[in-house]
PDB file of N, CA and C in Angstrom:
ATOM      1  N   MET A   1      31.423  46.210-109.350  1.00  0.00           N
ATOM      2  CA  MET A   1      31.068  47.405-108.654  1.00  0.00           C
ATOM      3  C   MET A   1      31.786  47.717-107.677  1.00  0.00           C
ATOM      4  N   SER A   2      32.719  46.276-107.060  1.00  0.00           N
ATOM      5  CA  SER A   2      33.254  46.840-105.927  1.00  0.00           C
ATOM      6  C   SER A   2      34.437  46.976-106.000  1.00  0.00           C
ATOM      7  N   ARG A   3      35.242  46.926-107.517  1.00  0.00           N
ATOM      8  CA  ARG A   3      36.126  47.029-107.588  1.00  0.00           C
ATOM      9  C   ARG A   3      36.168  48.686-107.944  1.00  0.00           C
ATOM     10  N   THR A   4      35.187  49.232-108.249  1.00  0.00           N
ATOM     11  CA  THR A   4      34.591  51.066-108.152  1.00  0.00           C
ATOM     12  C   THR A   4      34.969  51.688-106.770  1.00  0.00           C
ATOM     13  N   LEU A   5      34.208  50.803-105.600  1.00  0.00           N
ATOM     14  CA  LEU A   5      34.507  50.993-104.348  1.00  0.00           C
ATOM     15  C   LEU A   5      35.587  51.152-103.803  1.00  0.00           C
ATOM     16  N   ASN A   6      36.612  49.845-104.174  1.00  0.00           N
ATOM     17  CA  ASN A   6      37.566  50.005-103.699  1.00  0.00           C
ATOM     18  C   ASN A   6      38.878  51.157-104.149  1.00  0.00           C
ATOM     19  N   ARG A   7      38.848  51.408-105.574  1.00  0.00           N
ATOM     20  CA  ARG A   7      39.440  52.028-106.537  1.00  0.00           C
ATOM     21  C   ARG A   7      39.336  54.000-105.628  1.00  0.00           C
ATOM     22  N   GLY A   8      38.076  54.233-105.209  1.00  0.00           N
ATOM     23  CA  GLY A   8      37.559  55.427-104.477  1.00  0.00           C
ATOM     24  C   GLY A   8      38.187  55.343-103.282  1.00  0.00           C
ATOM     25  N   ARG A   9      37.822  54.354-102.126  1.00  0.00           N
ATOM     26  CA  ARG A   9      38.294  54.185-101.058  1.00  0.00           C
ATOM     27  C   ARG A   9      39.973  53.990-101.530  1.00  0.00           C
ATOM     28  N   GLU A  10      40.509  53.999-102.462  1.00  0.00           N
ATOM     29  CA  GLU A  10      42.401  54.052-102.261  1.00  0.00           C
ATOM     30  C   GLU A  10      42.575  55.355-102.675  1.00  0.00           C
ATOM     31  N   ILE A  11      41.763  56.027-103.527  1.00  0.00           N
ATOM     32  CA  ILE A  11      42.143  57.357-103.842  1.00  0.00           C
ATOM     33  C   ILE A  11      41.820  58.612-102.404  1.00  0.00           C
ATOM     34  N   PHE A  12      40.695  58.019-101.703  1.00  0.00           N
ATOM     35  CA  PHE A  12      40.390  58.821-100.731  1.00  0.00           C
ATOM     36  C   PHE A  12      41.297  58.661 -99.577  1.00  0.00           C
ATOM     37  N   MET A  13      41.971  57.671 -99.321  1.00  0.00           N
ATOM     38  CA  MET A  13      42.858  57.443 -98.047  1.00  0.00           C
ATOM     39  C   MET A  13      44.221  58.201 -98.465  1.00  0.00           C
ATOM     40  N   PHE A  14      44.613  58.034-100.234  1.00  0.00           N
ATOM     41  CA  PHE A  14      45.664  58.808-100.195  1.00  0.00           C
ATOM     42  C   PHE A  14      45.596  60.313-100.184  1.00  0.00           C
ATOM     43  N   SER A  15      44.202  60.800-100.493  1.00  0.00           N
ATOM     44  CA  SER A  15      44.046  62.135-100.113  1.00  0.00           C
ATOM     45  C   SER A  15      44.458  62.312 -98.579  1.00  0.00           C
ATOM     46  N   ILE A  16      43.958  61.814 -98.036  1.00  0.00           N
ATOM     47  CA  ILE A  16      43.879  61.921 -96.447  1.00  0.00           C
ATOM     48  C   ILE A  16      45.156  61.797 -96.231  1.00  0.00           C
ATOM     49  N   GLY A  17      46.265  61.057 -96.521  1.00  0.00           N
ATOM     50  CA  GLY A  17      47.434  60.876 -96.052  1.00  0.00           C
ATOM     51  C   GLY A  17      48.292  61.895 -96.583  1.00  0.00           C
ATOM     52  N   LYS A  18      48.119  62.532 -97.494  1.00  0.00           N
ATOM     53  CA  LYS A  18      48.557  63.827 -97.886  1.00  0.00           C
ATOM     54  C   LYS A  18      48.275  64.849 -97.218  1.00  0.00           C
ATOM     55  N   PHE A  19      47.082  64.886 -97.105  1.00  0.00           N
ATOM     56  CA  PHE A  19      46.572  66.024 -96.291  1.00  0.00           C
ATOM     57  C   PHE A  19      47.423  65.784 -94.651  1.00  0.00           C
ATOM     58  N   LEU A  20      47.294  64.944 -94.199  1.00  0.00           N
ATOM     59  CA  LEU A  20      47.720  64.547 -92.604  1.00  0.00           C
ATOM     60  C   LEU A  20      49.510  65.082 -93.246  1.00  0.00           C
ATOM     61  N   VAL A  21      50.458  64.676 -94.033  1.00  0.00           N
ATOM     62  CA  VAL A  21      51.775  64.838 -94.179  1.00  0.00           C
ATOM     63  C   VAL A  21      51.791  66.299 -94.596  1.00  0.00           C
ATOM     64  N   LEU A  22      51.063  67.071 -95.390  1.00  0.00           N
ATOM     65  CA  LEU A  22      51.083  68.423 -95.301  1.00  0.00           C
ATOM     66  C   LEU A  22      50.884  69.189 -93.803  1.00  0.00           C
ATOM     67  N   ALA A  23      50.063  68.485 -93.300  1.00  0.00           N
ATOM     68  CA  ALA A  23      49.622  69.385 -91.908  1.00  0.00           C
ATOM     69  C   ALA A  23      50.632  69.068 -91.038  1.00  0.00           C
ATOM     70  N   GLY A  24      51.273  67.759 -91.331  1.00  0.00           N
ATOM     71  CA  GLY A  24      52.872  67.463 -90.345  1.00  0.00           C
ATOM     72  C   GLY A  24      53.763  68.793 -90.540  1.00  0.00           C
ATOM     73  N   VAL A  25      53.852  68.438 -91.774  1.00  0.00           N
ATOM     74  CA  VAL A  25      54.891  69.383 -92.235  1.00  0.00           C
ATOM     75  C   VAL A  25      54.730  70.934 -91.894  1.00  0.00           C
ATOM     76  N   LEU A  26      53.735  71.395 -92.105  1.00  0.00           N
ATOM     77  CA  LEU A  26      53.185  72.808 -91.797  1.00  0.00           C
ATOM     78  C   LEU A  26      53.295  73.090 -90.327  1.00  0.00           C
ATOM     79  N   LEU A  27      52.816  71.869 -89.119  1.00  0.00           N
ATOM     80  CA  LEU A  27      52.944  72.350 -87.917  1.00  0.00           C
ATOM     81  C   LEU A  27      54.358  72.270 -87.407  1.00  0.00           C
ATOM     82  N   VAL A  28      55.677  71.578 -88.407  1.00  0.00           N
ATOM     83  CA  VAL A  28      57.072  71.413 -87.781  1.00  0.00           C
ATOM     84  C   VAL A  28      57.450  73.368 -88.245  1.00  0.00           C
ATOM     85  N   VAL A  29      56.871  73.525 -89.258  1.00  0.00           N
ATOM     86  CA  VAL A  29      57.513  74.800 -89.446  1.00  0.00           C
ATOM     87  C   VAL A  29      56.703  75.709 -88.753  1.00  0.00           C
ATOM     88  N   LEU A  30      55.645  75.984 -88.411  1.00  0.00           N
ATOM     89  CA  LEU A  30      55.145  76.876 -87.809  1.00  0.00           C
ATOM     90  C   LEU A  30      55.720  76.625 -86.454  1.00  0.00           C
ATOM     91  N   GLY A  31      56.388  75.559 -85.927  1.00  0.00           N
ATOM     92  CA  GLY A  31      56.595  75.477 -84.562  1.00  0.00           C
ATOM     93  C   GLY A  31      58.043  75.846 -84.541  1.00  0.00           C
ATOM     94  N   LEU A  32      58.575  75.852 -85.920  1.00  0.00           N
ATOM     95  CA  LEU A  32      60.350  75.991 -85.800  1.00  0.00           C
ATOM     96  C   LEU A  32      60.225  77.639 -85.695  1.00  0.00           C
ATOM     97  N   ALA A  33      59.413  78.456 -86.373  1.00  0.00           N
ATOM     98  CA  ALA A  33      59.081  79.652 -86.620  1.00  0.00           C
ATOM     99  C   ALA A  33      58.773  80.607 -85.578  1.00  0.00           C
ATOM    100  N   VAL A  34      58.091  79.912 -84.731  1.00  0.00           N
ATOM    101  CA  VAL A  34      58.046  80.233 -83.399  1.00  0.00           C
ATOM    102  C   VAL A  34      58.863  80.457 -82.470  1.00  0.00           C
ATOM    103  N   LEU A  35      59.894  79.499 -82.669  1.00  0.00           N
ATOM    104  CA  LEU A  35      61.240  79.124 -81.548  1.00  0.00           C
ATOM    105  C   LEU A  35      62.002  80.237 -82.208  1.00  0.00           C
ATOM    106  N   LEU A  36      62.126  80.271 -83.475  1.00  0.00           N
ATOM    107  CA  LEU A  36      63.201  81.097 -84.375  1.00  0.00           C
ATOM    108  C   LEU A  36      62.552  82.975 -83.786  1.00  0.00           C
ATOM    109  N   LEU A  37      61.342  82.917 -84.152  1.00  0.00           N
ATOM    110  CA  LEU A  37      60.597  84.554 -83.696  1.00  0.00           C
ATOM    111  C   LEU A  37      60.793  84.764 -82.355  1.00  0.00           C
ATOM    112  N   GLU A  38      60.811  83.832 -81.512  1.00  0.00           N
ATOM    113  CA  GLU A  38      61.178  84.012 -79.847  1.00  0.00           C
ATOM    114  C   GLU A  38      62.176  84.921 -79.826  1.00  0.00           C
ATOM    115  N   LYS A  39      63.811  84.324 -80.800  1.00  0.00           N
ATOM    116  CA  LYS A  39      64.785  84.305 -80.095  1.00  0.00           C
ATOM    117  C   LYS A  39      64.954  86.368 -80.426  1.00  0.00           C
ATOM    118  N   VAL A  40      64.125  86.655 -81.728  1.00  0.00           N
ATOM    119  CA  VAL A  40      64.158  87.904 -82.365  1.00  0.00           C
ATOM    120  C   VAL A  40      63.937  89.097 -81.425  1.00  0.00           C
ATOM    121  N   SER A  41      64.538  89.999 -80.855  1.00  0.00           N
ATOM    122  CA  SER A  41      63.955  91.121 -79.816  1.00  0.00           C
ATOM    123  C   SER A  41      63.237  92.162 -80.776  1.00  0.00           C
ATOM    124  N   TRP A  42      63.353  92.505 -81.458  1.00  0.00           N
ATOM    125  CA  TRP A  42      62.769  93.717 -82.545  1.00  0.00           C
ATOM    126  C   TRP A  42      61.494  93.227 -82.913  1.00  0.00           C
ATOM    127  N   LEU A  43      61.247  92.143 -83.093  1.00  0.00           N
ATOM    128  CA  LEU A  43      59.686  91.564 -83.382  1.00  0.00           C
ATOM    129  C   LEU A  43      58.574  91.599 -82.185  1.00  0.00           C
ATOM    130  N   HIS A  44      58.418  92.616 -82.329  1.00  0.00           N
ATOM    131  CA  HIS A  44      56.837  92.252 -81.204  1.00  0.00           C
ATOM    132  C   HIS A  44      55.880  91.965 -81.678  1.00  0.00           C
ATOM    133  N   LEU A  45      55.396  90.941 -81.936  1.00  0.00           N
ATOM    134  CA  LEU A  45      54.199  90.511 -82.468  1.00  0.00           C
ATOM    135  C   LEU A  45      53.185  90.453 -80.957  1.00  0.00           C
ATOM    136  N   GLY A  46      52.274  90.856 -81.568  1.00  0.00           N
ATOM    137  CA  GLY A  46      51.523  90.975 -80.622  1.00  0.00           C
ATOM    138  C   GLY A  46      51.033  92.440 -80.030  1.00  0.00           C
ATOM    139  N   ARG A  47      52.347  93.402 -80.161  1.00  0.00           N
ATOM    140  CA  ARG A  47      52.388  94.462 -79.378  1.00  0.00           C
ATOM    141  C   ARG A  47      52.540  95.667 -80.706  1.00  0.00           C
ATOM    142  N   LEU A  48      52.338  95.358 -81.637  1.00  0.00           N
ATOM    143  CA  LEU A  48      52.380  96.406 -82.965  1.00  0.00           C
ATOM    144  C   LEU A  48      51.532  97.703 -82.736  1.00  0.00           C
ATOM    145  N   PRO A  49      52.256  98.588 -83.389  1.00  0.00           N
ATOM    146  CA  PRO A  49      51.109  99.939 -83.239  1.00  0.00           C
ATOM    147  C   PRO A  49      49.952  99.586 -84.064  1.00  0.00           C
ATOM    148  N   GLY A  50      48.976 100.512 -83.403  1.00  0.00           N
ATOM    149  CA  GLY A  50      47.867 100.106 -84.206  1.00  0.00           C
ATOM    150  C   GLY A  50      46.985  98.865 -83.241  1.00  0.00           C
ATOM    151  N   ASP A  51      47.803  98.213 -82.305  1.00  0.00           N
ATOM    152  CA  ASP A  51      46.826  97.033 -81.467  1.00  0.00           C
ATOM    153  C   ASP A  51      46.069  98.113 -80.589  1.00  0.00           C
ATOM    154  N   ILE A  52      45.176  97.799 -80.264  1.00  0.00           N
ATOM    155  CA  ILE A  52      43.880  98.535 -79.312  1.00  0.00           C
ATOM    156  C   ILE A  52      44.384  98.149 -77.733  1.00  0.00           C
ATOM    157  N   ARG A  53      44.721  98.953 -76.622  1.00  0.00           N
ATOM    158  CA  ARG A  53      45.035  98.746 -75.583  1.00  0.00           C
ATOM    159  C   ARG A  53      44.224  99.827 -75.016  1.00  0.00           C
ATOM    160  N   PHE A  54      43.537  99.108 -73.753  1.00  0.00           N
ATOM    161  CA  PHE A  54      42.698 100.289 -73.175  1.00  0.00           C
ATOM    162  C   PHE A  54      42.753  99.789 -70.970  1.00  0.00           C
ATOM    163  N   GLN A  55      43.507 100.519 -70.563  1.00  0.00           N
ATOM    164  CA  GLN A  55      43.205 100.128 -68.873  1.00  0.00           C
ATOM    165  C   GLN A  55      42.470 101.173 -68.656  1.00  0.00           C
ATOM    166  N   HIS A  56      41.600 100.918 -67.711  1.00  0.00           N
ATOM    167  CA  HIS A  56      41.182 101.998 -66.678  1.00  0.00           C
ATOM    168  C   HIS A  56      40.940 101.455 -65.403  1.00  0.00           C
ATOM    169  N   GLY A  57      41.807 101.480 -64.641  1.00  0.00           N
ATOM    170  CA  GLY A  57      41.456 100.933 -63.207  1.00  0.00           C
ATOM    171  C   GLY A  57      42.302  99.332 -62.972  1.00  0.00           C
ATOM    172  N   HIS A  58      40.904  98.432 -62.874  1.00  0.00           N
ATOM    173  CA  HIS A  58      41.076  97.000 -62.677  1.00  0.00           C
ATOM    174  C   HIS A  58      40.595  96.377 -63.888  1.00  0.00           C
ATOM    175  N   PHE A  59      40.167  97.101 -64.708  1.00  0.00           N
ATOM    176  CA  PHE A  59      39.713  96.571 -65.913  1.00  0.00           C
ATOM    177  C   PHE A  59      40.682  96.907 -66.877  1.00  0.00           C
ATOM    178  N   SER A  60      41.156  96.022 -68.027  1.00  0.00           N
ATOM    179  CA  SER A  60      41.738  96.061 -69.067  1.00  0.00           C
ATOM    180  C   SER A  60      41.539  95.361 -70.614  1.00  0.00           C
ATOM    181  N   PHE A  61      41.369  95.728 -71.440  1.00  0.00           N
ATOM    182  CA  PHE A  61      40.942  95.415 -72.869  1.00  0.00           C
ATOM    183  C   PHE A  61      42.172  95.304 -73.817  1.00  0.00           C
ATOM    184  N   TYR A  62      42.388  94.347 -74.508  1.00  0.00           N
ATOM    185  CA  TYR A  62      43.476  94.264 -75.548  1.00  0.00           C
ATOM    186  C   TYR A  62      42.747  93.857 -76.820  1.00  0.00           C
ATOM    187  N   PHE A  63      42.967  94.290 -77.904  1.00  0.00           N
ATOM    188  CA  PHE A  63      42.432  93.686 -79.149  1.00  0.00           C
ATOM    189  C   PHE A  63      43.645  94.080 -80.101  1.00  0.00           C
ATOM    190  N   PRO A  64      44.825  92.690 -80.531  1.00  0.00           N
ATOM    191  CA  PRO A  64      45.602  92.765 -81.536  1.00  0.00           C
ATOM    192  C   PRO A  64      45.081  93.141 -82.957  1.00  0.00           C
ATOM    193  N   ILE A  65      44.432  93.875 -83.286  1.00  0.00           N
ATOM    194  CA  ILE A  65      44.026  94.139 -84.492  1.00  0.00           C
ATOM    195  C   ILE A  65      44.959  93.990 -85.490  1.00  0.00           C
ATOM    196  N   VAL A  66      46.030  95.246 -85.416  1.00  0.00           N
ATOM    197  CA  VAL A  66      47.347  94.892 -86.723  1.00  0.00           C
ATOM    198  C   VAL A  66      47.900  93.762 -86.520  1.00  0.00           C
ATOM    199  N   THR A  67      48.105  93.247 -85.765  1.00  0.00           N
ATOM    200  CA  THR A  67      48.645  91.742 -85.359  1.00  0.00           C
ATOM    201  C   THR A  67      47.960  91.103 -86.096  1.00  0.00           C
ATOM    202  N   CYS A  68      46.447  90.723 -85.698  1.00  0.00           N
ATOM    203  CA  CYS A  68      45.621  90.066 -87.029  1.00  0.00           C
ATOM    204  C   CYS A  68      45.617  89.923 -88.138  1.00  0.00           C
ATOM    205  N   LEU A  69      45.737  91.055 -88.425  1.00  0.00           N
ATOM    206  CA  LEU A  69      45.813  91.727 -89.996  1.00  0.00           C
ATOM    207  C   LEU A  69      47.274  91.446 -90.601  1.00  0.00           C
ATOM    208  N   VAL A  70      48.508  91.246 -89.876  1.00  0.00           N
ATOM    209  CA  VAL A  70      49.671  90.861 -90.357  1.00  0.00           C
ATOM    210  C   VAL A  70      49.625  89.060 -90.486  1.00  0.00           C
ATOM    211  N   ILE A  71      49.451  88.690 -89.375  1.00  0.00           N
ATOM    212  CA  ILE A  71      49.158  87.186 -89.416  1.00  0.00           C
ATOM    213  C   ILE A  71      47.942  86.723 -90.826  1.00  0.00           C
ATOM    214  N   SER A  72      47.102  87.509 -90.986  1.00  0.00           N
ATOM    215  CA  SER A  72      46.120  87.054 -92.171  1.00  0.00           C
ATOM    216  C   SER A  72      46.826  87.103 -93.599  1.00  0.00           C
ATOM    217  N   VAL A  73      47.505  88.266 -93.630  1.00  0.00           N
ATOM    218  CA  VAL A  73      48.477  88.476 -94.888  1.00  0.00           C
ATOM    219  C   VAL A  73      49.306  87.365 -94.959  1.00  0.00           C
ATOM    220  N   ILE A  74      50.535  87.273 -94.156  1.00  0.00           N
ATOM    221  CA  ILE A  74      51.120  86.009 -94.029  1.00  0.00           C
ATOM    222  C   ILE A  74      50.693  84.635 -94.577  1.00  0.00           C
ATOM    223  N   LEU A  75      49.305  84.347 -93.523  1.00  0.00           N
ATOM    224  CA  LEU A  75      49.210  83.126 -94.034  1.00  0.00           C
ATOM    225  C   LEU A  75      48.233  82.966 -95.663  1.00  0.00           C
ATOM    226  N   THR A  76      47.700  84.300 -95.788  1.00  0.00           N
ATOM    227  CA  THR A  76      47.418  83.999 -97.264  1.00  0.00           C
ATOM    228  C   THR A  76      48.183  83.930 -98.306  1.00  0.00           C
ATOM    229  N   LEU A  77      49.190  84.533 -97.947  1.00  0.00           N
ATOM    230  CA  LEU A  77      50.303  84.448 -99.185  1.00  0.00           C
ATOM    231  C   LEU A  77      50.954  82.945 -99.157  1.00  0.00           C
ATOM    232  N   LEU A  78      51.214  82.577 -97.750  1.00  0.00           N
ATOM    233  CA  LEU A  78      51.791  80.625 -97.826  1.00  0.00           C
ATOM    234  C   LEU A  78      51.030  79.572 -98.355  1.00  0.00           C
ATOM    235  N   LEU A  79      49.400  80.267 -97.883  1.00  0.00           N
ATOM    236  CA  LEU A  79      48.463  79.578 -98.659  1.00  0.00           C
ATOM    237  C   LEU A  79      48.333  79.476 -99.907  1.00  0.00           C
ATOM    238  N   SER A  80      48.422  80.805-100.729  1.00  0.00           N
ATOM    239  CA  SER A  80      48.515  80.562-102.004  1.00  0.00           C
ATOM    240  C   SER A  80      49.599  80.073-102.965  1.00  0.00           C
ATOM    241  N   LEU A  81      50.609  80.029-102.179  1.00  0.00           N
ATOM    242  CA  LEU A  81      51.598  79.296-102.702  1.00  0.00           C
ATOM    243  C   LEU A  81      51.369  78.014-102.863  1.00  0.00           C
ATOM    244  N   PHE A  82      51.215  77.571-101.641  1.00  0.00           N
ATOM    245  CA  PHE A  82      50.951  75.825-101.659  1.00  0.00           C
ATOM    246  C   PHE A  82      49.596  75.392-102.846  1.00  0.00           C
ATOM    247  N   ARG A  83      48.972  76.245-102.812  1.00  0.00           N
ATOM    248  CA  ARG A  83      47.870  75.834-103.927  1.00  0.00           C
ATOM    249  C   ARG A  83      48.297  75.785-105.480  1.00  0.00           C
ATOM    250  N   ARG A  84      49.239  76.365-105.733  1.00  0.00           N
ATOM    251  CA  ARG A  84      50.127  76.477-106.866  1.00  0.00           C
ATOM    252  C   ARG A  84      50.413  75.055-107.102  1.00  0.00           C
TER     253      ARG A  84
END
């Protein structure tokens, strides 16, 4: 019985280890992407056409809906590649 528990624990720890390594690699890639995208002046992520901006006096409202859609599509494509 204890062998089965130890085997299950080993599989669980291996899975956690794989997840942490993948999360670390993803964070590094994301960090590099942010650094590289900062250098590109033509890419105005957060100020795309279709993002909602409203200013009236001292009140301002900003909702980057198109930016959210673009990021969602990119993340969906990346995650679908990692699943295969």
